């Protein structure tokens, strides 16, 4: 089972989940965060600290946000499993996320 970050994170990118993660498996894109499923230990620490409730178990992901599961796969197909987000810093978003309309403040 893997956690997935969904649409509510886009253009919010609050770092509470990144700071809470004990294994640094939450990577930052330009507009949202992504969770590396091979590095995640499924502790669930990220889910309750997300201020926009954007983090779901993959099987609990609401249907309208299904494309974000695939976006997560594409993101890590490019960077692999670096072994910690702090090692590589912010990365470009996948085309699906980059093409979304900007969220108004």
C-alpha atoms as a PDB file:
ATOM      1  CA  UNK A   1       0.000   0.000   0.000  1.00  0.00           C
ATOM      2  CA  UNK A   2       1.270   3.463  -0.807  1.00  0.00           C
ATOM      3  CA  UNK A   3       0.295   6.969   0.169  1.00  0.00           C
ATOM      4  CA  UNK A   4      -0.559   9.460  -2.580  1.00  0.00           C
ATOM      5  CA  UNK A   5      -0.650  13.245  -2.473  1.00  0.00           C
ATOM      6  CA  UNK A   6      -3.688  14.590  -4.334  1.00  0.00           C
ATOM      7  CA  UNK A   7      -4.996  17.814  -5.887  1.00  0.00           C
ATOM      8  CA  UNK A   8      -5.504  19.825  -2.669  1.00  0.00           C
ATOM      9  CA  UNK A   9      -1.699  20.093  -2.360  1.00  0.00           C
ATOM     10  CA  UNK A  10      -1.229  21.751  -5.761  1.00  0.00           C
ATOM     11  CA  UNK A  11      -0.024  25.335  -5.315  1.00  0.00           C
ATOM     12  CA  UNK A  12      -0.289  25.029  -1.531  1.00  0.00           C
ATOM     13  CA  UNK A  13       2.748  22.785  -0.945  1.00  0.00           C
ATOM     14  CA  UNK A  14       2.681  23.171   2.817  1.00  0.00           C
ATOM     15  CA  UNK A  15       5.816  21.498   4.180  1.00  0.00           C
ATOM     16  CA  UNK A  16       4.239  20.067   7.347  1.00  0.00           C
ATOM     17  CA  UNK A  17       4.219  16.559   5.853  1.00  0.00           C
ATOM     18  CA  UNK A  18       7.842  16.848   4.729  1.00  0.00           C
ATOM     19  CA  UNK A  19       8.933  17.950   8.189  1.00  0.00           C
ATOM     20  CA  UNK A  20       6.918  15.182   9.907  1.00  0.00           C
ATOM     21  CA  UNK A  21       8.171  12.303   7.728  1.00  0.00           C
ATOM     22  CA  UNK A  22      10.741  10.241   9.673  1.00  0.00           C
ATOM     23  CA  UNK A  23      12.266   8.676   6.542  1.00  0.00           C
ATOM     24  CA  UNK A  24      12.372  11.679   4.156  1.00  0.00           C
ATOM     25  CA  UNK A  25      10.226   9.949   1.543  1.00  0.00           C
ATOM     26  CA  UNK A  26       8.164  13.043   0.662  1.00  0.00           C
ATOM     27  CA  UNK A  27       9.751  14.839  -2.269  1.00  0.00           C
ATOM     28  CA  UNK A  28       8.926  18.348  -3.439  1.00  0.00           C
ATOM     29  CA  UNK A  29       7.984  19.259  -6.946  1.00  0.00           C
ATOM     30  CA  UNK A  30       7.462  22.827  -8.051  1.00  0.00           C
ATOM     31  CA  UNK A  31       3.741  22.837  -7.230  1.00  0.00           C
ATOM     32  CA  UNK A  32       3.094  19.805  -5.000  1.00  0.00           C
ATOM     33  CA  UNK A  33       4.665  16.988  -2.990  1.00  0.00           C
ATOM     34  CA  UNK A  34       5.095  13.342  -4.000  1.00  0.00           C
ATOM     35  CA  UNK A  35       5.574  10.271  -1.764  1.00  0.00           C
ATOM     36  CA  UNK A  36       8.192   7.671  -2.793  1.00  0.00           C
ATOM     37  CA  UNK A  37       6.344   4.361  -2.191  1.00  0.00           C
ATOM     38  CA  UNK A  38       9.501   2.245  -1.914  1.00  0.00           C
ATOM     39  CA  UNK A  39      10.948   4.519   0.782  1.00  0.00           C
ATOM     40  CA  UNK A  40       7.698   5.084   2.708  1.00  0.00           C
ATOM     41  CA  UNK A  41       7.312   2.955   5.849  1.00  0.00           C
ATOM     42  CA  UNK A  42       3.526   3.549   5.985  1.00  0.00           C
ATOM     43  CA  UNK A  43       3.750   5.149   9.431  1.00  0.00           C
ATOM     44  CA  UNK A  44       0.950   7.594   8.566  1.00  0.00           C
ATOM     45  CA  UNK A  45       2.626  10.550  10.289  1.00  0.00           C
ATOM     46  CA  UNK A  46       2.149  12.757   7.229  1.00  0.00           C
ATOM     47  CA  UNK A  47      -1.590  12.331   6.854  1.00  0.00           C
ATOM     48  CA  UNK A  48      -2.885  14.127   9.983  1.00  0.00           C
ATOM     49  CA  UNK A  49      -0.499  17.097   9.665  1.00  0.00           C
ATOM     50  CA  UNK A  50      -1.555  17.967   6.113  1.00  0.00           C
ATOM     51  CA  UNK A  51      -3.565  21.199   6.457  1.00  0.00           C
ATOM     52  CA  UNK A  52      -5.476  20.607   3.202  1.00  0.00           C
ATOM     53  CA  UNK A  53      -6.122  16.852   3.660  1.00  0.00           C
ATOM     54  CA  UNK A  54      -4.317  15.944   0.452  1.00  0.00           C
ATOM     55  CA  UNK A  55      -2.691  12.667   1.572  1.00  0.00           C
ATOM     56  CA  UNK A  56      -4.512   9.343   1.099  1.00  0.00           C
ATOM     57  CA  UNK A  57      -3.753   5.648   1.048  1.00  0.00           C
ATOM     58  CA  UNK A  58      -3.767   4.781  -2.650  1.00  0.00           C
ATOM     59  CA  UNK A  59      -6.836   2.544  -2.317  1.00  0.00           C
ATOM     60  CA  UNK A  60      -8.712   5.321  -0.439  1.00  0.00           C
ATOM     61  CA  UNK A  61      -7.900   8.003  -3.003  1.00  0.00           C
ATOM     62  CA  UNK A  62     -11.146   9.671  -4.159  1.00  0.00           C
ATOM     63  CA  UNK A  63     -11.966   8.738  -7.743  1.00  0.00           C
ATOM     64  CA  UNK A  64     -11.727  12.320  -9.027  1.00  0.00           C
ATOM     65  CA  UNK A  65      -8.084  12.399  -7.921  1.00  0.00           C
ATOM     66  CA  UNK A  66      -7.112   9.067  -9.481  1.00  0.00           C
ATOM     67  CA  UNK A  67      -4.742  10.735 -11.966  1.00  0.00           C
ATOM     68  CA  UNK A  68      -2.554  11.818  -9.030  1.00  0.00           C
ATOM     69  CA  UNK A  69      -1.641   8.174  -8.341  1.00  0.00           C
ATOM     70  CA  UNK A  70      -0.286   7.950 -11.894  1.00  0.00           C
ATOM     71  CA  UNK A  71       1.455  11.338 -11.495  1.00  0.00           C
ATOM     72  CA  UNK A  72       3.265   9.891  -8.481  1.00  0.00           C
ATOM     73  CA  UNK A  73       4.408   6.877 -10.532  1.00  0.00           C
ATOM     74  CA  UNK A  74       5.664   9.151 -13.335  1.00  0.00           C
ATOM     75  CA  UNK A  75       7.501  11.449 -10.893  1.00  0.00           C
ATOM     76  CA  UNK A  76       9.497   8.556  -9.422  1.00  0.00           C
ATOM     77  CA  UNK A  77      10.035   6.866 -12.794  1.00  0.00           C
ATOM     78  CA  UNK A  78      12.199   9.895 -13.537  1.00  0.00           C
ATOM     79  CA  UNK A  79      14.132  10.264 -10.267  1.00  0.00           C
ATOM     80  CA  UNK A  80      13.980   6.704  -8.927  1.00  0.00           C
ATOM     81  CA  UNK A  81      14.556   6.113  -5.241  1.00  0.00           C
ATOM     82  CA  UNK A  82      17.264   8.578  -4.182  1.00  0.00           C
ATOM     83  CA  UNK A  83      17.119   7.536  -0.522  1.00  0.00           C
ATOM     84  CA  UNK A  84      15.910  10.801   0.960  1.00  0.00           C
ATOM     85  CA  UNK A  85      14.361  13.999  -0.280  1.00  0.00           C
ATOM     86  CA  UNK A  86      17.044  16.232   1.215  1.00  0.00           C
ATOM     87  CA  UNK A  87      19.636  14.608  -1.058  1.00  0.00           C
ATOM     88  CA  UNK A  88      18.121  16.004  -4.257  1.00  0.00           C
ATOM     89  CA  UNK A  89      15.974  19.002  -3.304  1.00  0.00           C
ATOM     90  CA  UNK A  90      13.036  20.303  -5.281  1.00  0.00           C
ATOM     91  CA  UNK A  91      12.371  18.586  -8.630  1.00  0.00           C
ATOM     92  CA  UNK A  92      10.224  19.561 -11.633  1.00  0.00           C
ATOM     93  CA  UNK A  93       6.595  18.478 -11.524  1.00  0.00           C
ATOM     94  CA  UNK A  94       5.284  15.844 -13.905  1.00  0.00           C
ATOM     95  CA  UNK A  95       3.552  17.250 -17.028  1.00  0.00           C
ATOM     96  CA  UNK A  96       0.053  16.440 -15.670  1.00  0.00           C
ATOM     97  CA  UNK A  97       0.598  18.577 -12.556  1.00  0.00           C
ATOM     98  CA  UNK A  98       2.507  21.304 -14.397  1.00  0.00           C
ATOM     99  CA  UNK A  99      -0.409  21.698 -16.819  1.00  0.00           C
ATOM    100  CA  UNK A 100      -3.062  22.208 -14.142  1.00  0.00           C
ATOM    101  CA  UNK A 101      -4.524  25.708 -13.847  1.00  0.00           C
ATOM    102  CA  UNK A 102      -2.917  27.742 -11.078  1.00  0.00           C
ATOM    103  CA  UNK A 103      -4.860  27.859  -7.848  1.00  0.00           C
ATOM    104  CA  UNK A 104      -6.020  31.350  -6.975  1.00  0.00           C
ATOM    105  CA  UNK A 105      -4.866  32.729  -3.651  1.00  0.00           C
END
